[in-house]
Amino acid sequence: QESSGGAASQPGRPPVPGGAAAPRPAGEGL
């Protein structure tokens, strides 16, 4: 599978492998 690191006109960016920690508590949307 391919992945990405910079931004296109798309939302957000992909995570870095091996660096993911436990997810943060679900925050409130903007």
Full PDB file with SEQRES, HELIX, SHEET, SSBOND, CRYST1, ORIGX, SCALE, CONECT and MASTER records, all heavy atoms in Angstrom:
SEQRES   1 A   30  GLN GLU SER SER GLY GLY ALA ALA SER GLN PRO GLY ARG          
SEQRES   2 A   30  PRO PRO VAL PRO GLY GLY ALA ALA ALA PRO ARG PRO ALA          
SEQRES   3 A   30  GLY GLU GLY LEU                                              
CRYST1    1.000    1.000    1.000  90.00  90.00  90.00 P 1           1          
ORIGX1      1.000000  0.000000  0.000000        0.00000                         
ORIGX2      0.000000  1.000000  0.000000        0.00000                         
ORIGX3      0.000000  0.000000  1.000000        0.00000                         
SCALE1      1.000000  0.000000  0.000000        0.00000                         
SCALE2      0.000000  1.000000  0.000000        0.00000                         
SCALE3      0.000000  0.000000  1.000000        0.00000                         
ATOM      1  N   GLN A   1       0.830  -1.193   0.000  1.00  0.00           N  
ATOM      2  CA  GLN A   1       0.000   0.000   0.000  1.00  0.00           C  
ATOM      3  C   GLN A   1       0.858   1.233   0.000  1.00  0.00           C  
ATOM      4  O   GLN A   1       1.916   1.268   0.584  1.00  0.00           O  
ATOM      5  CB  GLN A   1      -0.899   0.008   1.235  1.00  0.00           C  
ATOM      6  CG  GLN A   1      -1.821  -1.197   1.280  1.00  0.00           C  
ATOM      7  CD  GLN A   1      -2.626  -1.209   2.554  1.00  0.00           C  
ATOM      8  OE1 GLN A   1      -2.374  -0.408   3.439  1.00  0.00           O  
ATOM      9  NE2 GLN A   1      -3.580  -2.093   2.660  1.00  0.00           N  
ATOM     10  N   GLU A   2       0.366   2.272  -0.660  1.00  0.00           N  
ATOM     11  CA  GLU A   2       1.109   3.517  -0.662  1.00  0.00           C  
ATOM     12  C   GLU A   2       0.608   4.419   0.437  1.00  0.00           C  
ATOM     13  O   GLU A   2      -0.444   4.208   0.993  1.00  0.00           O  
ATOM     14  CB  GLU A   2       0.972   4.229  -2.012  1.00  0.00           C  
ATOM     15  CG  GLU A   2      -0.404   4.787  -2.276  1.00  0.00           C  
ATOM     16  CD  GLU A   2      -1.402   3.706  -2.609  1.00  0.00           C  
ATOM     17  OE1 GLU A   2      -1.011   2.584  -2.904  1.00  0.00           O  
ATOM     18  OE2 GLU A   2      -2.593   3.972  -2.539  1.00  0.00           O  
ATOM     19  N   SER A   3       1.412   5.416   0.761  1.00  0.00           N  
ATOM     20  CA  SER A   3       1.043   6.342   1.818  1.00  0.00           C  
ATOM     21  C   SER A   3       1.526   7.704   1.456  1.00  0.00           C  
ATOM     22  O   SER A   3       2.076   7.929   0.416  1.00  0.00           O  
ATOM     23  CB  SER A   3       1.672   5.884   3.147  1.00  0.00           C  
ATOM     24  OG  SER A   3       3.054   5.880   3.030  1.00  0.00           O  
ATOM     25  N   SER A   4       1.349   8.699   2.352  1.00  0.00           N  
ATOM     26  CA  SER A   4       1.721  10.065   2.011  1.00  0.00           C  
ATOM     27  C   SER A   4       2.273  10.800   3.182  1.00  0.00           C  
ATOM     28  O   SER A   4       2.095  10.420   4.312  1.00  0.00           O  
ATOM     29  CB  SER A   4       0.504  10.805   1.479  1.00  0.00           C  
ATOM     30  OG  SER A   4      -0.415  10.950   2.500  1.00  0.00           O  
ATOM     31  N   GLY A   5       2.961  11.886   2.975  1.00  0.00           N  
ATOM     32  CA  GLY A   5       3.585  12.677   4.019  1.00  0.00           C  
ATOM     33  C   GLY A   5       3.356  14.102   3.903  1.00  0.00           C  
ATOM     34  O   GLY A   5       3.401  14.812   4.889  1.00  0.00           O  
ATOM     35  N   GLY A   6       3.166  14.697   2.798  1.00  0.00           N  
ATOM     36  CA  GLY A   6       2.918  16.129   2.622  1.00  0.00           C  
ATOM     37  C   GLY A   6       1.485  16.356   2.457  1.00  0.00           C  
ATOM     38  O   GLY A   6       0.697  15.483   2.616  1.00  0.00           O  
ATOM     39  N   ALA A   7       0.999  17.561   2.023  1.00  0.00           N  
ATOM     40  CA  ALA A   7      -0.400  17.841   1.882  1.00  0.00           C  
ATOM     41  C   ALA A   7      -0.704  18.139   0.448  1.00  0.00           C  
ATOM     42  O   ALA A   7      -0.084  18.922  -0.188  1.00  0.00           O  
ATOM     43  CB  ALA A   7      -0.804  19.034   2.738  1.00  0.00           C  
ATOM     44  N   ALA A   8      -1.759  17.479  -0.048  1.00  0.00           N  
ATOM     45  CA  ALA A   8      -2.337  17.915  -1.299  1.00  0.00           C  
ATOM     46  C   ALA A   8      -3.543  18.731  -0.906  1.00  0.00           C  
ATOM     47  O   ALA A   8      -3.658  19.180   0.213  1.00  0.00           O  
ATOM     48  CB  ALA A   8      -2.685  16.712  -2.163  1.00  0.00           C  
ATOM     49  N   SER A   9      -4.520  18.905  -1.781  1.00  0.00           N  
ATOM     50  CA  SER A   9      -5.681  19.681  -1.386  1.00  0.00           C  
ATOM     51  C   SER A   9      -6.580  18.858  -0.505  1.00  0.00           C  
ATOM     52  O   SER A   9      -7.725  19.178  -0.285  1.00  0.00           O  
ATOM     53  CB  SER A   9      -6.448  20.136  -2.631  1.00  0.00           C  
ATOM     54  OG  SER A   9      -6.856  19.001  -3.369  1.00  0.00           O  
ATOM     55  N   GLN A  10      -6.049  17.765   0.008  1.00  0.00           N  
ATOM     56  CA  GLN A  10      -6.773  16.812   0.804  1.00  0.00           C  
ATOM     57  C   GLN A  10      -6.596  17.127   2.273  1.00  0.00           C  
ATOM     58  O   GLN A  10      -5.649  17.763   2.661  1.00  0.00           O  
ATOM     59  CB  GLN A  10      -6.246  15.385   0.503  1.00  0.00           C  
ATOM     60  CG  GLN A  10      -4.793  15.214   0.878  1.00  0.00           C  
ATOM     61  CD  GLN A  10      -3.885  15.673  -0.213  1.00  0.00           C  
ATOM     62  OE1 GLN A  10      -4.259  16.457  -1.073  1.00  0.00           O  
ATOM     63  NE2 GLN A  10      -2.657  15.209  -0.178  1.00  0.00           N  
ATOM     64  N   PRO A  11      -7.477  16.604   3.107  1.00  0.00           N  
ATOM     65  CA  PRO A  11      -7.336  16.846   4.529  1.00  0.00           C  
ATOM     66  C   PRO A  11      -6.254  15.996   5.147  1.00  0.00           C  
ATOM     67  O   PRO A  11      -6.157  14.805   4.902  1.00  0.00           O  
ATOM     68  CB  PRO A  11      -8.727  16.458   5.076  1.00  0.00           C  
ATOM     69  CG  PRO A  11      -9.238  15.451   4.106  1.00  0.00           C  
ATOM     70  CD  PRO A  11      -8.685  15.856   2.765  1.00  0.00           C  
ATOM     71  N   GLY A  12      -5.423  16.655   5.951  1.00  0.00           N  
ATOM     72  CA  GLY A  12      -4.536  15.956   6.838  1.00  0.00           C  
ATOM     73  C   GLY A  12      -3.375  15.239   6.192  1.00  0.00           C  
ATOM     74  O   GLY A  12      -3.114  15.329   5.017  1.00  0.00           O  
ATOM     75  N   ARG A  13      -2.678  14.431   6.985  1.00  0.00           N  
ATOM     76  CA  ARG A  13      -1.508  13.710   6.539  1.00  0.00           C  
ATOM     77  C   ARG A  13      -1.472  12.359   7.222  1.00  0.00           C  
ATOM     78  O   ARG A  13      -2.000  12.181   8.298  1.00  0.00           O  
ATOM     79  CB  ARG A  13      -0.226  14.484   6.872  1.00  0.00           C  
ATOM     80  CG  ARG A  13      -0.146  15.786   6.126  1.00  0.00           C  
ATOM     81  CD  ARG A  13       0.911  16.651   6.764  1.00  0.00           C  
ATOM     82  NE  ARG A  13       0.896  17.924   6.084  1.00  0.00           N  
ATOM     83  CZ  ARG A  13       1.673  18.218   5.059  1.00  0.00           C  
ATOM     84  NH1 ARG A  13       2.531  17.361   4.617  1.00  0.00           N  
ATOM     85  NH2 ARG A  13       1.599  19.394   4.474  1.00  0.00           N  
ATOM     86  N   PRO A  14      -0.760  11.383   6.621  1.00  0.00           N  
ATOM     87  CA  PRO A  14      -0.735  10.064   7.215  1.00  0.00           C  
ATOM     88  C   PRO A  14       0.221   9.971   8.383  1.00  0.00           C  
ATOM     89  O   PRO A  14       1.162  10.726   8.489  1.00  0.00           O  
ATOM     90  CB  PRO A  14      -0.264   9.174   6.059  1.00  0.00           C  
ATOM     91  CG  PRO A  14       0.558  10.085   5.243  1.00  0.00           C  
ATOM     92  CD  PRO A  14      -0.072  11.453   5.377  1.00  0.00           C  
ATOM     93  N   PRO A  15       0.017   8.997   9.290  1.00  0.00           N  
ATOM     94  CA  PRO A  15       0.926   8.826  10.405  1.00  0.00           C  
ATOM     95  C   PRO A  15       2.223   8.170   9.988  1.00  0.00           C  
ATOM     96  O   PRO A  15       2.341   7.601   8.925  1.00  0.00           O  
ATOM     97  CB  PRO A  15       0.136   7.906  11.354  1.00  0.00           C  
ATOM     98  CG  PRO A  15      -0.760   7.147  10.448  1.00  0.00           C  
ATOM     99  CD  PRO A  15      -1.095   8.082   9.315  1.00  0.00           C  
ATOM    100  N   VAL A  16       3.234   8.236  10.873  1.00  0.00           N  
ATOM    101  CA  VAL A  16       4.526   7.624  10.607  1.00  0.00           C  
ATOM    102  C   VAL A  16       4.520   6.239  11.223  1.00  0.00           C  
ATOM    103  O   VAL A  16       4.074   6.063  12.348  1.00  0.00           O  
ATOM    104  CB  VAL A  16       5.661   8.478  11.208  1.00  0.00           C  
ATOM    105  CG1 VAL A  16       6.972   7.733  11.171  1.00  0.00           C  
ATOM    106  CG2 VAL A  16       5.763   9.784  10.468  1.00  0.00           C  
ATOM    107  N   PRO A  17       4.972   5.198  10.523  1.00  0.00           N  
ATOM    108  CA  PRO A  17       4.918   3.849  11.062  1.00  0.00           C  
ATOM    109  C   PRO A  17       5.761   3.708  12.304  1.00  0.00           C  
ATOM    110  O   PRO A  17       6.834   4.283  12.422  1.00  0.00           O  
ATOM    111  CB  PRO A  17       5.485   2.997   9.915  1.00  0.00           C  
ATOM    112  CG  PRO A  17       6.376   3.927   9.174  1.00  0.00           C  
ATOM    113  CD  PRO A  17       5.725   5.276   9.286  1.00  0.00           C  
ATOM    114  N   GLY A  18       5.242   2.893  13.222  1.00  0.00           N  
ATOM    115  CA  GLY A  18       6.003   2.625  14.427  1.00  0.00           C  
ATOM    116  C   GLY A  18       5.968   3.748  15.428  1.00  0.00           C  
ATOM    117  O   GLY A  18       6.423   3.628  16.534  1.00  0.00           O  
ATOM    118  N   GLY A  19       5.403   4.916  15.074  1.00  0.00           N  
ATOM    119  CA  GLY A  19       5.422   6.035  15.990  1.00  0.00           C  
ATOM    120  C   GLY A  19       4.082   6.293  16.626  1.00  0.00           C  
ATOM    121  O   GLY A  19       3.922   7.206  17.399  1.00  0.00           O  
ATOM    122  N   ALA A  20       3.071   5.498  16.252  1.00  0.00           N  
ATOM    123  CA  ALA A  20       1.731   5.765  16.733  1.00  0.00           C  
ATOM    124  C   ALA A  20       1.618   5.361  18.191  1.00  0.00           C  
ATOM    125  O   ALA A  20       2.028   4.286  18.600  1.00  0.00           O  
ATOM    126  CB  ALA A  20       0.711   5.022  15.889  1.00  0.00           C  
ATOM    127  N   ALA A  21       1.060   6.214  18.972  1.00  0.00           N  
ATOM    128  CA  ALA A  21       0.812   5.919  20.374  1.00  0.00           C  
ATOM    129  C   ALA A  21      -0.668   5.639  20.535  1.00  0.00           C  
ATOM    130  O   ALA A  21      -1.435   5.637  19.592  1.00  0.00           O  
ATOM    131  CB  ALA A  21       1.251   7.090  21.245  1.00  0.00           C  
ATOM    132  N   ALA A  22      -1.090   5.393  21.789  1.00  0.00           N  
ATOM    133  CA  ALA A  22      -2.505   5.186  22.029  1.00  0.00           C  
ATOM    134  C   ALA A  22      -3.282   6.418  21.619  1.00  0.00           C  
ATOM    135  O   ALA A  22      -2.808   7.532  21.782  1.00  0.00           O  
ATOM    136  CB  ALA A  22      -2.730   4.891  23.513  1.00  0.00           C  
ATOM    137  N   PRO A  23      -4.500   6.234  21.063  1.00  0.00           N  
ATOM    138  CA  PRO A  23      -5.247   7.393  20.582  1.00  0.00           C  
ATOM    139  C   PRO A  23      -5.590   8.347  21.704  1.00  0.00           C  
ATOM    140  O   PRO A  23      -5.780   7.943  22.845  1.00  0.00           O  
ATOM    141  CB  PRO A  23      -6.503   6.763  19.975  1.00  0.00           C  
ATOM    142  CG  PRO A  23      -6.603   5.416  20.596  1.00  0.00           C  
ATOM    143  CD  PRO A  23      -5.205   4.971  20.869  1.00  0.00           C  
ATOM    144  N   ARG A  24      -5.639   9.630  21.357  1.00  0.00           N  
ATOM    145  CA  ARG A  24      -6.002  10.640  22.347  1.00  0.00           C  
ATOM    146  C   ARG A  24      -7.475  10.496  22.699  1.00  0.00           C  
ATOM    147  O   ARG A  24      -8.269   9.968  21.924  1.00  0.00           O  
ATOM    148  CB  ARG A  24      -5.762  12.043  21.787  1.00  0.00           C  
ATOM    149  CG  ARG A  24      -4.328  12.349  21.530  1.00  0.00           C  
ATOM    150  CD  ARG A  24      -4.189  13.781  21.070  1.00  0.00           C  
ATOM    151  NE  ARG A  24      -5.000  14.051  19.895  1.00  0.00           N  
ATOM    152  CZ  ARG A  24      -4.600  13.817  18.666  1.00  0.00           C  
ATOM    153  NH1 ARG A  24      -3.415  13.317  18.444  1.00  0.00           N  
ATOM    154  NH2 ARG A  24      -5.386  14.087  17.640  1.00  0.00           N  
ATOM    155  N   PRO A  25      -7.895  10.991  23.856  1.00  0.00           N  
ATOM    156  CA  PRO A  25      -9.308  10.998  24.165  1.00  0.00           C  
ATOM    157  C   PRO A  25     -10.057  11.744  23.076  1.00  0.00           C  
ATOM    158  O   PRO A  25      -9.595  12.751  22.563  1.00  0.00           O  
ATOM    159  CB  PRO A  25      -9.383  11.751  25.510  1.00  0.00           C  
ATOM    160  CG  PRO A  25      -8.012  11.636  26.076  1.00  0.00           C  
ATOM    161  CD  PRO A  25      -7.078  11.583  24.915  1.00  0.00           C  
ATOM    162  N   ALA A  26     -11.223  11.216  22.731  1.00  0.00           N  
ATOM    163  CA  ALA A  26     -11.989  11.847  21.656  1.00  0.00           C  
ATOM    164  C   ALA A  26     -12.336  13.271  22.032  1.00  0.00           C  
ATOM    165  O   ALA A  26     -13.045  13.520  22.993  1.00  0.00           O  
ATOM    166  CB  ALA A  26     -13.264  11.057  21.400  1.00  0.00           C  
ATOM    167  N   GLY A  27     -11.814  14.219  21.279  1.00  0.00           N  
ATOM    168  CA  GLY A  27     -12.057  15.632  21.561  1.00  0.00           C  
ATOM    169  C   GLY A  27     -13.306  16.117  20.887  1.00  0.00           C  
ATOM    170  O   GLY A  27     -13.939  15.419  20.095  1.00  0.00           O  
ATOM    171  N   GLU A  28     -13.666  17.315  21.168  1.00  0.00           N  
ATOM    172  CA  GLU A  28     -14.856  17.896  20.604  1.00  0.00           C  
ATOM    173  C   GLU A  28     -14.529  18.562  19.279  1.00  0.00           C  
ATOM    174  O   GLU A  28     -13.473  19.142  19.116  1.00  0.00           O  
ATOM    175  CB  GLU A  28     -15.394  18.943  21.579  1.00  0.00           C  
ATOM    176  CG  GLU A  28     -16.825  19.340  21.295  1.00  0.00           C  
ATOM    177  CD  GLU A  28     -17.353  20.162  22.445  1.00  0.00           C  
ATOM    178  OE1 GLU A  28     -16.558  20.764  23.161  1.00  0.00           O  
ATOM    179  OE2 GLU A  28     -18.561  20.193  22.605  1.00  0.00           O  
ATOM    180  N   GLY A  29     -15.385  18.415  18.288  1.00  0.00           N  
ATOM    181  CA  GLY A  29     -15.153  18.983  16.976  1.00  0.00           C  
ATOM    182  C   GLY A  29     -15.198  20.498  16.995  1.00  0.00           C  
ATOM    183  O   GLY A  29     -15.837  21.115  17.850  1.00  0.00           O  
ATOM    184  N   LEU A  30     -14.539  21.115  16.006  1.00  0.00           N  
ATOM    185  CA  LEU A  30     -14.483  22.566  15.915  1.00  0.00           C  
ATOM    186  C   LEU A  30     -15.868  23.146  15.656  1.00  0.00           C  
ATOM    187  O   LEU A  30     -16.204  24.219  16.145  1.00  0.00           O  
ATOM    188  CB  LEU A  30     -13.524  22.969  14.792  1.00  0.00           C  
ATOM    189  CG  LEU A  30     -13.205  24.439  14.675  1.00  0.00           C  
ATOM    190  CD1 LEU A  30     -12.616  24.952  15.964  1.00  0.00           C  
ATOM    191  CD2 LEU A  30     -12.242  24.673  13.526  1.00  0.00           C  
TER     192      LEU A  30                                                      
MASTER        0    0    0    0    0    0    0    6  191    1    0    3          
END                                                                             
